[in-house]
């Protein structure tokens, strides 16, 4: 086992990698108020460009889930991050829809490694008593990426423009490699090459009710998350008439609340399980509560008529997103265990990110067809309700799967 200090450094660098992951994928949404007009894109074309990232990212989860069981996950993560950092820098030079879509595809390829590699590294090097904190680090990164990315990116967009925004974000991404390479060299080697005996194949994972029901919960939850990441900045500027600097502050609220909720949810989960409460009850209740809060918050944002109700909706949605993401990840890790961690997250994230493919296109088409965001908000709010149903009814008792017996 690695030294505890090294494990702690690994955990927070993984959280930082996820933070960077969501900053870079969300930069397109932040740049939208200027970029969409400069490139002459319709809402449908912008939705197409936002969706393109997930054409590679979603199926790439399956490939990366397989690879992390065969090669060193720490070095694979470094390679993926280098690819997506370069893609982010180059996006600042695009001149039209075709090159924008091509670079979004490259970004999706690089970012596809992040969660499979992180899950594998957590399962290999983090013991059960610290899993809540480890998953909270990922969820905090997932939330702070859009939060600080929206705030800093919006202010940078207002002062320097969207091309400088992509360049700055890409260079900061590549800087992460410096501390990570030191950690990767120091981590003890995990088994690689031929997979261990008893390791399940993808069809075994897909044939399991827990994997399918959690994937359903994640894809429906993703409709709310990716709607907020992609369309919230544009809605605040185009519909609510906020200045770009004000959009940056408001847009960051939902994700700041998500980060806080994720951190607290991870610690509370660890503490309750340590006191003897069953994992099934703790993780499931948190996930259901988070899904319901997300749905309520998104609906409130869309229905808000004033500043106070808008802020309330942003905060409630963020709190729900943070709690649900932590709980659904911990449920998946219990089911999968060390043998299936990489492939499980490949399946769950691959299916879950179908929301990233479909939501931007559907939302853009709805806006162009109706001239309003009303139905788009209704669609985004309905997704987490289905997630709550899946966690309450479809997900079986949370316990490790005996892959050898299967």
Protein backbone atom coordinates (compact mmCIF):
# COMPACT_ATOMS: atom_id res chain seq x y z
CA UNK A 1 0.00 0.00 0.00
CA UNK A 2 1.12 3.54 -0.71
CA UNK A 3 2.06 5.90 2.11
CA UNK A 4 -1.01 7.75 3.50
CA UNK A 5 0.44 11.15 2.56
CA UNK A 6 0.98 9.97 -1.01
CA UNK A 7 -2.59 8.65 -1.13
CA UNK A 8 -3.90 11.98 0.17
CA UNK A 9 -1.95 13.84 -2.50
CA UNK A 10 -3.25 11.43 -5.14
CA UNK A 11 -6.86 11.93 -4.00
CA UNK A 12 -6.74 15.72 -4.21
CA UNK A 13 -4.86 15.71 -7.51
CA UNK A 14 -7.58 13.43 -8.88
CA UNK A 15 -10.13 15.92 -7.63
CA UNK A 16 -8.15 18.69 -9.33
CA UNK A 17 -8.07 16.67 -12.58
CA UNK A 18 -11.87 16.34 -12.49
CA UNK A 19 -12.07 20.07 -11.72
CA UNK A 20 -9.98 20.83 -14.81
CA UNK A 21 -12.03 18.29 -16.79
CA UNK A 22 -15.25 20.19 -16.12
CA UNK A 23 -13.66 23.61 -16.58
CA UNK A 24 -12.47 22.66 -20.05
CA UNK A 25 -15.64 20.96 -21.22
CA UNK A 26 -17.75 23.80 -19.82
CA UNK A 27 -15.69 26.60 -21.36
CA UNK A 28 -17.80 26.37 -24.52
CA UNK A 29 -20.91 27.25 -22.53
CA UNK A 30 -19.15 30.16 -20.82
CA UNK A 31 -17.90 31.50 -24.16
CA UNK A 32 -21.31 31.07 -25.82
CA UNK A 33 -22.62 34.65 -25.40
CA UNK A 34 -19.69 35.98 -27.52
CA UNK A 35 -18.55 32.91 -29.47
CA UNK A 36 -21.99 32.02 -30.86
CA UNK A 37 -22.40 35.49 -32.38
CA UNK A 38 -18.79 35.79 -33.65
CA UNK A 39 -18.97 32.45 -35.48
CA UNK A 40 -22.54 33.06 -36.71
CA UNK A 41 -23.99 29.91 -35.09
CA UNK A 42 -27.70 29.23 -34.59
CA UNK A 43 -28.88 27.67 -31.31
CA UNK A 44 -29.15 24.30 -33.10
CA UNK A 45 -25.58 24.57 -34.45
CA UNK A 46 -24.26 25.58 -31.04
CA UNK A 47 -26.08 22.60 -29.53
CA UNK A 48 -24.46 20.37 -32.16
CA UNK A 49 -21.00 21.64 -31.23
CA UNK A 50 -21.70 21.11 -27.52
CA UNK A 51 -23.00 17.61 -28.24
CA UNK A 52 -19.96 16.63 -30.36
CA UNK A 53 -17.77 16.31 -27.26
CA UNK A 54 -19.94 13.43 -26.05
CA UNK A 55 -19.91 11.55 -29.37
CA UNK A 56 -16.41 10.39 -28.43
CA UNK A 57 -16.54 10.87 -24.65
CA UNK A 58 -19.49 8.51 -24.00
CA UNK A 59 -18.24 5.45 -25.98
CA UNK A 60 -14.69 6.32 -24.94
CA UNK A 61 -15.66 5.43 -21.36
CA UNK A 62 -15.94 1.78 -22.41
CA UNK A 63 -12.51 1.79 -24.04
CA UNK A 64 -10.87 3.52 -21.10
CA UNK A 65 -12.65 1.27 -18.60
CA UNK A 66 -11.04 -1.69 -20.36
CA UNK A 67 -7.63 -0.01 -20.66
CA UNK A 68 -7.29 0.91 -16.98
CA UNK A 69 -7.40 -2.80 -16.11
CA UNK A 70 -4.48 -3.50 -18.45
CA UNK A 71 -2.13 -0.50 -18.26
CA UNK A 72 -0.97 1.87 -15.54
CA UNK A 73 -3.99 4.07 -14.78
CA UNK A 74 -1.87 6.96 -13.47
CA UNK A 75 0.13 7.27 -16.70
CA UNK A 76 -2.99 6.79 -18.83
CA UNK A 77 -4.60 9.72 -17.01
CA UNK A 78 -1.55 11.90 -17.71
CA UNK A 79 -1.73 11.10 -21.42
CA UNK A 80 -5.44 11.86 -21.61
CA UNK A 81 -5.04 15.17 -19.81
CA UNK A 82 -2.26 16.24 -22.19
CA UNK A 83 -4.56 15.56 -25.17
CA UNK A 84 -7.48 17.52 -23.78
CA UNK A 85 -5.26 20.42 -22.69
CA UNK A 86 -3.93 20.82 -26.23
CA UNK A 87 -7.47 20.58 -27.65
CA UNK A 88 -8.61 23.39 -25.34
CA UNK A 89 -5.76 25.69 -26.40
CA UNK A 90 -6.45 25.06 -30.11
CA UNK A 91 -10.17 25.86 -29.70
CA UNK A 92 -9.16 29.49 -29.28
CA UNK A 93 -8.14 29.50 -32.96
CA UNK A 94 -11.30 28.05 -34.56
CA UNK A 95 -12.99 29.90 -37.39
CA UNK A 96 -16.20 27.97 -37.91
CA UNK A 97 -18.44 25.06 -36.99
CA UNK A 98 -16.38 22.28 -38.63
CA UNK A 99 -13.11 22.99 -36.81
CA UNK A 100 -15.01 23.60 -33.58
CA UNK A 101 -16.68 20.18 -33.82
CA UNK A 102 -13.35 18.49 -34.65
CA UNK A 103 -11.65 19.94 -31.57
CA UNK A 104 -14.63 19.04 -29.36
CA UNK A 105 -14.19 15.45 -30.56
CA UNK A 106 -10.49 15.55 -29.62
CA UNK A 107 -11.39 17.04 -26.23
CA UNK A 108 -13.86 14.19 -25.65
CA UNK A 109 -11.21 11.58 -26.45
CA UNK A 110 -8.77 13.03 -23.93
CA UNK A 111 -11.33 13.56 -21.16
CA UNK A 112 -12.79 10.05 -21.51
CA UNK A 113 -9.94 8.67 -19.38
CA UNK A 114 -10.62 10.80 -16.30
CA UNK A 115 -13.30 8.87 -14.40
CA UNK A 116 -12.27 5.29 -15.30
CA UNK A 117 -8.70 6.06 -14.24
CA UNK A 118 -9.81 7.86 -11.06
CA UNK A 119 -12.12 5.02 -10.03
CA UNK A 120 -9.37 2.44 -10.62
CA UNK A 121 -6.81 4.44 -8.64
CA UNK A 122 -9.24 4.92 -5.73
CA UNK A 123 -10.14 1.22 -5.60
CA UNK A 124 -6.46 0.21 -5.83
CA UNK A 125 -4.99 2.65 -3.30
CA UNK A 126 -7.75 3.97 -0.97
CA UNK A 127 -9.19 1.84 1.86
CA UNK A 128 -12.91 1.67 2.68
CA UNK A 129 -12.75 4.16 5.56
CA UNK A 130 -11.60 6.96 3.21
CA UNK A 131 -13.76 6.21 0.17
CA UNK A 132 -16.29 8.89 1.09
CA UNK A 133 -13.62 11.58 1.19
CA UNK A 134 -12.04 10.28 -2.04
CA UNK A 135 -15.36 10.39 -3.88
CA UNK A 136 -16.12 13.77 -2.36
CA UNK A 137 -12.84 15.05 -3.85
CA UNK A 138 -14.04 13.95 -7.30
CA UNK A 139 -17.47 15.48 -6.78
CA UNK A 140 -16.01 18.72 -5.41
CA UNK A 141 -13.80 18.89 -8.50
CA UNK A 142 -16.80 18.20 -10.73
CA UNK A 143 -18.69 21.06 -9.06
CA UNK A 144 -15.91 23.62 -8.64
CA UNK A 145 -14.91 23.18 -12.28
CA UNK A 146 -18.11 24.79 -13.56
CA UNK A 147 -18.28 27.11 -10.52
CA UNK A 148 -14.85 28.72 -10.75
CA UNK A 149 -14.74 28.14 -14.50
CA UNK A 150 -17.96 30.11 -14.93
CA UNK A 151 -16.80 32.87 -12.58
CA UNK A 152 -13.20 33.27 -13.77
CA UNK A 153 -14.05 32.37 -17.36
CA UNK A 154 -16.94 34.83 -17.48
CA UNK A 155 -14.78 37.66 -16.14
CA UNK A 156 -11.99 36.75 -18.58
CA UNK A 157 -14.52 36.60 -21.42
CA UNK A 158 -15.81 40.07 -20.53
CA UNK A 159 -12.32 41.58 -20.48
CA UNK A 160 -10.28 39.71 -23.11
CA UNK A 161 -12.68 37.70 -25.29
CA UNK A 162 -13.38 34.02 -25.88
CA UNK A 163 -10.18 33.18 -27.80
CA UNK A 164 -7.98 34.20 -24.86
CA UNK A 165 -10.34 32.29 -22.58
CA UNK A 166 -9.65 28.95 -24.30
CA UNK A 167 -5.91 29.60 -24.46
CA UNK A 168 -5.62 30.42 -20.77
CA UNK A 169 -7.73 27.42 -19.69
CA UNK A 170 -5.71 25.03 -21.85
CA UNK A 171 -2.34 26.19 -20.51
CA UNK A 172 -3.54 25.90 -16.91
CA UNK A 173 -4.69 22.36 -17.71
CA UNK A 174 -1.26 21.32 -18.91
CA UNK A 175 0.35 22.71 -15.73
CA UNK A 176 -1.42 19.94 -13.71
CA UNK A 177 0.96 17.40 -15.25
CA UNK A 178 3.92 18.70 -13.23
CA UNK A 179 2.81 17.48 -9.75
CA UNK A 180 0.96 14.46 -11.13
CA UNK A 181 4.03 12.96 -12.79
CA UNK A 182 5.78 12.93 -9.39
CA UNK A 183 2.84 11.12 -7.79
CA UNK A 184 2.59 8.63 -10.67
CA UNK A 185 6.24 7.65 -10.24
CA UNK A 186 5.85 7.13 -6.48
CA UNK A 187 2.64 5.05 -6.50
CA UNK A 188 3.17 1.29 -6.04
CA UNK A 189 2.51 -0.70 -9.18
CA UNK A 190 -0.98 -2.14 -9.55
CA UNK A 191 -1.57 -5.37 -11.50
CA UNK A 192 -1.64 -4.72 -15.24
CA UNK A 193 -1.30 -6.62 -18.47
CA UNK A 194 -3.51 -9.71 -18.30
CA UNK A 195 -6.63 -9.15 -16.25
CA UNK A 196 -6.92 -10.95 -12.93
CA UNK A 197 -8.81 -14.24 -12.76
CA UNK A 198 -12.49 -13.68 -12.12
CA UNK A 199 -12.51 -10.20 -13.68
CA UNK A 200 -15.93 -9.77 -15.34
CA UNK A 201 -16.34 -8.85 -18.98
CA UNK A 202 -18.43 -5.95 -20.21
CA UNK A 203 -21.39 -8.20 -20.93
CA UNK A 204 -21.36 -9.44 -17.33
CA UNK A 205 -21.45 -5.86 -16.09
CA UNK A 206 -24.20 -4.92 -18.54
CA UNK A 207 -26.26 -7.97 -17.59
CA UNK A 208 -26.47 -6.82 -13.98
CA UNK A 209 -29.54 -5.01 -12.69
CA UNK A 210 -27.43 -2.73 -10.43
CA UNK A 211 -25.35 -1.45 -13.38
CA UNK A 212 -28.37 -0.83 -15.60
CA UNK A 213 -30.44 0.86 -12.90
CA UNK A 214 -27.56 3.09 -11.80
CA UNK A 215 -26.85 3.96 -15.45
CA UNK A 216 -30.48 4.98 -15.88
CA UNK A 217 -30.22 7.16 -12.78
CA UNK A 218 -27.04 8.77 -14.09
CA UNK A 219 -28.28 9.52 -17.61
CA UNK A 220 -31.45 11.16 -16.26
CA UNK A 221 -29.46 13.09 -13.66
CA UNK A 222 -27.17 14.18 -16.52
CA UNK A 223 -30.04 15.94 -18.29
CA UNK A 224 -30.12 18.48 -15.48
CA UNK A 225 -26.35 18.75 -15.07
CA UNK A 226 -25.51 19.23 -18.74
CA UNK A 227 -28.38 21.63 -19.26
CA UNK A 228 -26.97 23.86 -16.53
CA UNK A 229 -23.36 23.53 -17.74
CA UNK A 230 -24.18 24.21 -21.41
CA UNK A 231 -27.18 26.54 -21.44
CA UNK A 232 -27.38 28.41 -18.13
CA UNK A 233 -24.81 31.12 -19.07
CA UNK A 234 -26.55 31.78 -22.39
CA UNK A 235 -30.01 31.88 -20.75
CA UNK A 236 -28.84 34.35 -18.10
CA UNK A 237 -27.50 36.72 -20.78
CA UNK A 238 -30.07 36.30 -23.58
CA UNK A 239 -33.28 35.83 -21.58
CA UNK A 240 -32.66 37.44 -18.20
CA UNK A 241 -30.53 40.26 -19.66
CA UNK A 242 -27.67 39.96 -17.18
CA UNK A 243 -24.30 41.44 -18.10
CA UNK A 244 -21.57 38.88 -18.71
CA UNK A 245 -19.81 39.72 -15.43
CA UNK A 246 -23.09 39.26 -13.52
CA UNK A 247 -23.70 36.00 -15.41
CA UNK A 248 -20.31 34.79 -14.20
CA UNK A 249 -21.21 35.35 -10.55
CA UNK A 250 -24.73 33.92 -10.80
CA UNK A 251 -23.74 30.96 -12.95
CA UNK A 252 -21.06 29.96 -10.45
CA UNK A 253 -23.54 29.80 -7.55
CA UNK A 254 -25.14 26.51 -8.56
CA UNK A 255 -21.76 24.80 -8.84
CA UNK A 256 -20.35 26.34 -5.65
CA UNK A 257 -23.35 24.90 -3.80
CA UNK A 258 -22.71 21.58 -5.53
CA UNK A 259 -19.10 21.54 -4.31
CA UNK A 260 -20.09 22.30 -0.71
CA UNK A 261 -22.80 19.64 -0.74
CA UNK A 262 -20.43 17.05 -2.20
CA UNK A 263 -17.79 17.66 0.47
CA UNK A 264 -20.33 17.44 3.29
CA UNK A 265 -22.07 14.41 1.77
CA UNK A 266 -18.81 12.46 1.56
CA UNK A 267 -17.90 13.17 5.19
CA UNK A 268 -21.40 12.46 6.49
CA UNK A 269 -21.57 9.19 4.55
CA UNK A 270 -18.24 8.02 5.98
CA UNK A 271 -19.29 8.96 9.52
CA UNK A 272 -22.70 7.27 9.35
CA UNK A 273 -21.28 4.05 7.91
CA UNK A 274 -18.50 4.07 10.55
CA UNK A 275 -21.21 4.24 13.23
CA UNK A 276 -22.77 1.05 11.92
CA UNK A 277 -25.58 2.26 9.67
CA UNK A 278 -25.95 0.05 6.57
CA UNK A 279 -24.37 1.38 3.38
CA UNK A 280 -27.53 0.57 1.45
CA UNK A 281 -29.72 2.89 3.52
CA UNK A 282 -27.18 5.73 3.78
CA UNK A 283 -26.08 5.86 0.12
CA UNK A 284 -29.56 5.28 -1.31
CA UNK A 285 -31.32 7.89 0.84
CA UNK A 286 -28.68 10.49 -0.03
CA UNK A 287 -29.00 9.79 -3.74
CA UNK A 288 -32.80 10.02 -3.73
CA UNK A 289 -32.79 13.23 -1.70
CA UNK A 290 -30.18 14.76 -4.01
CA UNK A 291 -32.18 13.87 -7.13
CA UNK A 292 -35.38 15.41 -5.77
CA UNK A 293 -33.56 18.60 -4.73
CA UNK A 294 -31.99 18.88 -8.19
CA UNK A 295 -35.37 18.61 -9.91
CA UNK A 296 -36.90 21.21 -7.60
CA UNK A 297 -33.99 23.61 -8.07
CA UNK A 298 -33.97 23.44 -11.89
CA UNK A 299 -37.75 23.98 -11.97
CA UNK A 300 -37.39 26.98 -9.66
CA UNK A 301 -34.68 28.54 -11.84
CA UNK A 302 -36.90 28.30 -14.91
CA UNK A 303 -39.96 29.67 -13.08
CA UNK A 304 -38.11 32.44 -11.21
CA UNK A 305 -39.37 35.96 -11.74
CA UNK A 306 -36.95 37.85 -9.53
CA UNK A 307 -33.36 37.86 -8.34
CA UNK A 308 -34.07 36.16 -4.99
CA UNK A 309 -36.03 33.23 -6.46
CA UNK A 310 -33.35 32.74 -9.13
CA UNK A 311 -30.61 32.54 -6.49
CA UNK A 312 -32.71 30.12 -4.41
CA UNK A 313 -33.17 27.85 -7.42
CA UNK A 314 -29.47 27.90 -8.27
CA UNK A 315 -28.48 26.98 -4.70
CA UNK A 316 -31.08 24.20 -4.30
CA UNK A 317 -30.15 22.64 -7.65
CA UNK A 318 -26.46 22.75 -6.74
CA UNK A 319 -26.97 21.13 -3.34
CA UNK A 320 -28.92 18.31 -4.97
CA UNK A 321 -26.32 17.74 -7.69
CA UNK A 322 -23.51 17.49 -5.14
CA UNK A 323 -25.22 14.97 -2.85
CA UNK A 324 -26.44 12.75 -5.65
CA UNK A 325 -23.11 12.55 -7.46
CA UNK A 326 -21.24 11.44 -4.34
CA UNK A 327 -23.84 8.84 -3.39
CA UNK A 328 -24.26 7.31 -6.84
CA UNK A 329 -20.47 6.89 -7.18
CA UNK A 330 -20.16 5.18 -3.80
CA UNK A 331 -23.07 2.84 -4.60
CA UNK A 332 -21.35 1.88 -7.87
CA UNK A 333 -18.00 1.20 -6.16
CA UNK A 334 -19.65 -1.08 -3.59
CA UNK A 335 -21.33 -3.14 -6.30
CA UNK A 336 -18.28 -3.29 -8.60
CA UNK A 337 -15.42 -3.96 -6.18
CA UNK A 338 -11.77 -3.97 -7.30
CA UNK A 339 -12.30 -6.49 -10.10
CA UNK A 340 -14.90 -4.50 -12.02
CA UNK A 341 -14.25 -0.87 -11.02
CA UNK A 342 -12.84 0.27 -14.37
CA UNK A 343 -15.38 -1.49 -16.57
CA UNK A 344 -18.28 -0.56 -14.31
CA UNK A 345 -17.54 3.16 -14.48
CA UNK A 346 -16.99 2.77 -18.21
CA UNK A 347 -20.50 1.35 -18.59
CA UNK A 348 -22.17 3.73 -16.13
CA UNK A 349 -20.47 6.88 -17.41
CA UNK A 350 -20.79 5.78 -21.03
CA UNK A 351 -24.56 5.37 -20.72
CA UNK A 352 -24.86 8.35 -18.37
CA UNK A 353 -23.16 10.70 -20.81
CA UNK A 354 -25.69 9.96 -23.51
CA UNK A 355 -27.39 12.92 -21.82
CA UNK A 356 -24.49 15.05 -22.97
CA UNK A 357 -25.04 13.94 -26.57
CA UNK A 358 -28.81 14.38 -26.63
CA UNK A 359 -29.55 17.28 -24.28
CA UNK A 360 -27.67 20.06 -26.14
CA UNK A 361 -29.20 19.04 -29.49
CA UNK A 362 -32.72 18.65 -28.10
CA UNK A 363 -32.45 21.87 -26.12
CA UNK A 364 -31.15 23.84 -29.10
CA UNK A 365 -33.96 22.49 -31.30
CA UNK A 366 -36.57 23.35 -28.63
CA UNK A 367 -35.27 26.92 -28.34
CA UNK A 368 -35.20 27.46 -32.12
CA UNK A 369 -38.67 25.92 -32.55
CA UNK A 370 -40.44 27.68 -29.66
CA UNK A 371 -38.36 30.80 -29.13
CA UNK A 372 -38.38 29.97 -25.41
CA UNK A 373 -36.48 28.00 -22.79
CA UNK A 374 -39.64 26.90 -20.93
CA UNK A 375 -39.86 23.35 -22.32
CA UNK A 376 -36.09 22.97 -22.07
CA UNK A 377 -36.25 23.68 -18.33
CA UNK A 378 -39.15 21.23 -17.97
CA UNK A 379 -37.13 18.48 -19.67
CA UNK A 380 -34.06 19.17 -17.51
CA UNK A 381 -36.12 19.10 -14.29
CA UNK A 382 -37.91 15.85 -15.17
CA UNK A 383 -34.70 13.84 -15.55
CA UNK A 384 -33.71 13.77 -11.85
CA UNK A 385 -37.24 12.63 -10.94
CA UNK A 386 -36.64 9.47 -12.97
CA UNK A 387 -33.25 9.12 -11.23
CA UNK A 388 -34.99 9.20 -7.84
CA UNK A 389 -37.40 6.48 -8.98
CA UNK A 390 -34.53 4.30 -10.21
CA UNK A 391 -32.63 4.64 -6.92
CA UNK A 392 -35.74 3.99 -4.83
CA UNK A 393 -37.24 1.10 -6.80
CA UNK A 394 -34.92 -0.35 -9.45
CA UNK A 395 -31.53 -0.44 -7.68
CA UNK A 396 -31.33 -3.63 -5.55
CA UNK A 397 -29.77 -3.89 -2.08
CA UNK A 398 -26.33 -2.28 -2.13
CA UNK A 399 -23.74 -5.02 -1.53
CA UNK A 400 -20.61 -6.28 -3.33
CA UNK A 401 -21.25 -8.54 -6.32
CA UNK A 402 -19.56 -11.94 -6.23
CA UNK A 403 -18.15 -11.93 -9.76
CA UNK A 404 -16.52 -15.35 -9.39
CA UNK A 405 -19.87 -16.94 -8.57
CA UNK A 406 -21.44 -15.32 -11.61
